N, C-alpha and C. Protein backbone atom coordinates (compact mmCIF):
# COMPACT_ATOMS: atom_id res chain seq x y z
N MET A 1 83.33 102.01 118.70
CA MET A 1 82.71 102.76 119.56
C MET A 1 83.26 103.66 119.89
N PRO A 2 83.02 104.70 119.65
CA PRO A 2 83.27 106.22 120.01
C PRO A 2 83.19 106.49 121.45
N GLY A 3 84.28 106.90 122.02
CA GLY A 3 83.84 107.53 123.65
C GLY A 3 84.93 106.60 124.38
N ARG A 4 84.35 106.19 125.35
CA ARG A 4 84.96 105.15 126.60
C ARG A 4 84.23 104.33 126.61
N PRO A 5 85.21 102.95 126.69
CA PRO A 5 84.06 101.43 126.63
C PRO A 5 83.39 101.22 127.98
N SER A 6 82.24 100.51 127.89
CA SER A 6 81.27 100.58 128.66
C SER A 6 81.82 99.81 130.35
N ALA A 7 81.40 100.06 131.01
CA ALA A 7 81.81 99.32 132.28
C ALA A 7 81.87 97.78 132.03
N GLY A 8 82.83 96.49 132.23
CA GLY A 8 82.50 95.51 132.07
C GLY A 8 83.00 95.09 130.61
N PHE A 9 83.43 96.06 129.95
CA PHE A 9 83.95 95.60 128.75
C PHE A 9 84.88 95.24 128.86
N LEU A 10 85.11 94.08 128.22
CA LEU A 10 86.84 92.64 128.07
C LEU A 10 87.40 92.77 126.51
N ALA A 11 88.33 93.63 126.18
CA ALA A 11 89.51 93.83 125.66
C ALA A 11 90.55 93.13 125.56
N THR A 12 90.27 92.15 124.04
CA THR A 12 91.81 91.41 124.05
C THR A 12 92.98 92.03 123.61
N SER A 13 92.94 93.12 122.86
CA SER A 13 93.67 94.01 122.37
C SER A 13 93.30 95.41 122.82
N TRP A 14 94.64 96.21 122.94
CA TRP A 14 94.42 97.68 123.66
C TRP A 14 95.88 97.86 122.45
N ILE A 15 95.23 99.50 121.29
CA ILE A 15 96.32 100.03 120.61
C ILE A 15 96.48 101.49 121.23
N VAL A 16 97.81 101.81 121.04
CA VAL A 16 97.89 103.23 121.92
C VAL A 16 98.15 103.83 120.49
N GLY A 17 97.31 104.89 120.04
CA GLY A 17 97.90 105.51 118.30
C GLY A 17 96.75 105.48 117.37
N ALA A 18 95.92 106.53 116.99
CA ALA A 18 95.11 106.09 116.11
C ALA A 18 95.38 106.77 114.90
N GLY A 19 96.53 106.54 114.49
CA GLY A 19 97.40 106.95 113.08
C GLY A 19 97.06 105.97 112.06
N ILE A 20 97.28 105.95 110.62
CA ILE A 20 97.11 105.03 110.03
C ILE A 20 97.75 103.78 110.23
N THR A 21 98.67 103.61 110.86
CA THR A 21 99.38 102.19 111.47
C THR A 21 98.29 101.45 112.54
N GLY A 22 97.72 102.11 113.75
CA GLY A 22 96.87 101.88 114.71
C GLY A 22 96.24 101.66 114.07
N ALA A 23 95.12 102.55 113.47
CA ALA A 23 93.76 101.82 112.67
C ALA A 23 93.88 100.82 111.82
N LEU A 24 94.81 100.80 111.29
CA LEU A 24 94.96 99.20 110.21
C LEU A 24 95.00 98.24 111.36
N VAL A 25 95.93 98.11 112.11
CA VAL A 25 95.98 97.02 113.08
C VAL A 25 94.38 96.94 113.91
N ALA A 26 93.70 97.93 114.25
CA ALA A 26 92.86 97.74 114.82
C ALA A 26 91.50 97.23 114.13
N GLU A 27 91.53 97.39 112.68
CA GLU A 27 90.88 97.01 111.77
C GLU A 27 91.01 95.06 111.88
N ARG A 28 92.31 95.05 111.34
CA ARG A 28 92.80 93.58 111.34
C ARG A 28 92.19 93.06 112.21
N LEU A 29 92.21 93.51 113.42
CA LEU A 29 92.24 92.65 114.69
C LEU A 29 90.98 92.48 115.19
N ILE A 30 89.83 93.58 114.76
CA ILE A 30 88.26 93.41 114.65
C ILE A 30 88.01 92.35 113.87
N ARG A 31 88.64 92.35 112.58
CA ARG A 31 88.07 91.25 111.26
C ARG A 31 88.47 89.81 112.12
N GLU A 32 89.23 89.78 113.09
CA GLU A 32 89.85 88.53 113.47
C GLU A 32 88.93 88.12 114.50
N GLY A 33 88.05 88.70 114.77
CA GLY A 33 86.86 89.02 115.90
C GLY A 33 87.38 89.42 117.56
N ARG A 34 88.63 90.26 117.32
CA ARG A 34 89.04 90.27 118.75
C ARG A 34 88.39 91.60 119.04
N GLN A 35 88.33 91.84 120.51
CA GLN A 35 87.67 93.11 120.87
C GLN A 35 88.55 94.49 121.50
N VAL A 36 88.48 95.24 120.54
CA VAL A 36 89.84 96.27 120.25
C VAL A 36 89.55 97.51 121.25
N VAL A 37 90.20 98.14 122.05
CA VAL A 37 90.05 99.55 122.26
C VAL A 37 91.39 100.11 121.98
N LEU A 38 91.23 101.49 120.75
CA LEU A 38 91.71 101.90 119.94
C LEU A 38 92.07 103.29 120.77
N ILE A 39 93.18 104.01 121.55
CA ILE A 39 93.30 104.92 122.23
C ILE A 39 93.88 106.01 121.82
N GLU A 40 93.39 107.14 121.58
CA GLU A 40 94.51 108.23 120.49
C GLU A 40 94.04 109.63 121.80
N ARG A 41 95.24 110.51 121.60
CA ARG A 41 95.72 111.35 122.37
C ARG A 41 94.35 112.37 121.88
N GLU A 42 94.65 112.68 120.75
CA GLU A 42 94.65 113.55 119.69
C GLU A 42 93.35 114.04 119.12
N ASP A 43 92.61 114.74 118.39
CA ASP A 43 91.64 114.44 117.69
C ASP A 43 91.65 113.88 116.60
N ALA A 44 90.95 113.43 115.78
CA ALA A 44 91.30 112.71 114.52
C ALA A 44 91.92 113.71 113.42
N SER A 45 92.83 113.51 112.22
CA SER A 45 93.63 114.04 111.52
C SER A 45 94.68 115.07 111.79
N HIS A 46 95.38 114.62 113.36
CA HIS A 46 96.21 115.44 113.87
C HIS A 46 97.54 114.63 114.12
N GLY A 47 97.83 113.94 113.73
CA GLY A 47 98.91 113.06 114.07
C GLY A 47 100.25 113.08 112.75
N SER A 48 101.10 112.16 112.87
CA SER A 48 102.19 112.47 112.00
C SER A 48 101.91 112.16 110.72
N THR A 49 101.17 111.67 109.90
CA THR A 49 100.76 111.37 108.62
C THR A 49 99.96 112.95 108.55
N ALA A 50 99.26 113.42 108.94
CA ALA A 50 98.64 114.71 108.70
C ALA A 50 99.51 115.98 108.42
N ALA A 51 100.96 115.95 109.23
CA ALA A 51 101.90 116.76 109.12
C ALA A 51 102.65 116.57 107.98
N SER A 52 102.51 115.40 107.45
CA SER A 52 103.80 114.79 106.48
C SER A 52 102.99 115.53 105.17
N ASN A 53 101.73 116.18 104.80
CA ASN A 53 101.42 116.60 103.92
C ASN A 53 101.50 118.36 104.10
N ARG A 54 101.95 118.45 105.04
CA ARG A 54 102.11 120.28 104.71
C ARG A 54 103.30 120.67 104.38
């Protein structure tokens, strides 16, 4: 769900950082049936993984 969660959305898990680790953890939790909110400060592809390829 891009953007902000709607009012009344109850998440069972909140993940700060949508890098490779945060994204993989979010995917795993979603597959387990949890409601996940993934929070990222930057736009996609601006984290430490992107920087390691320069």
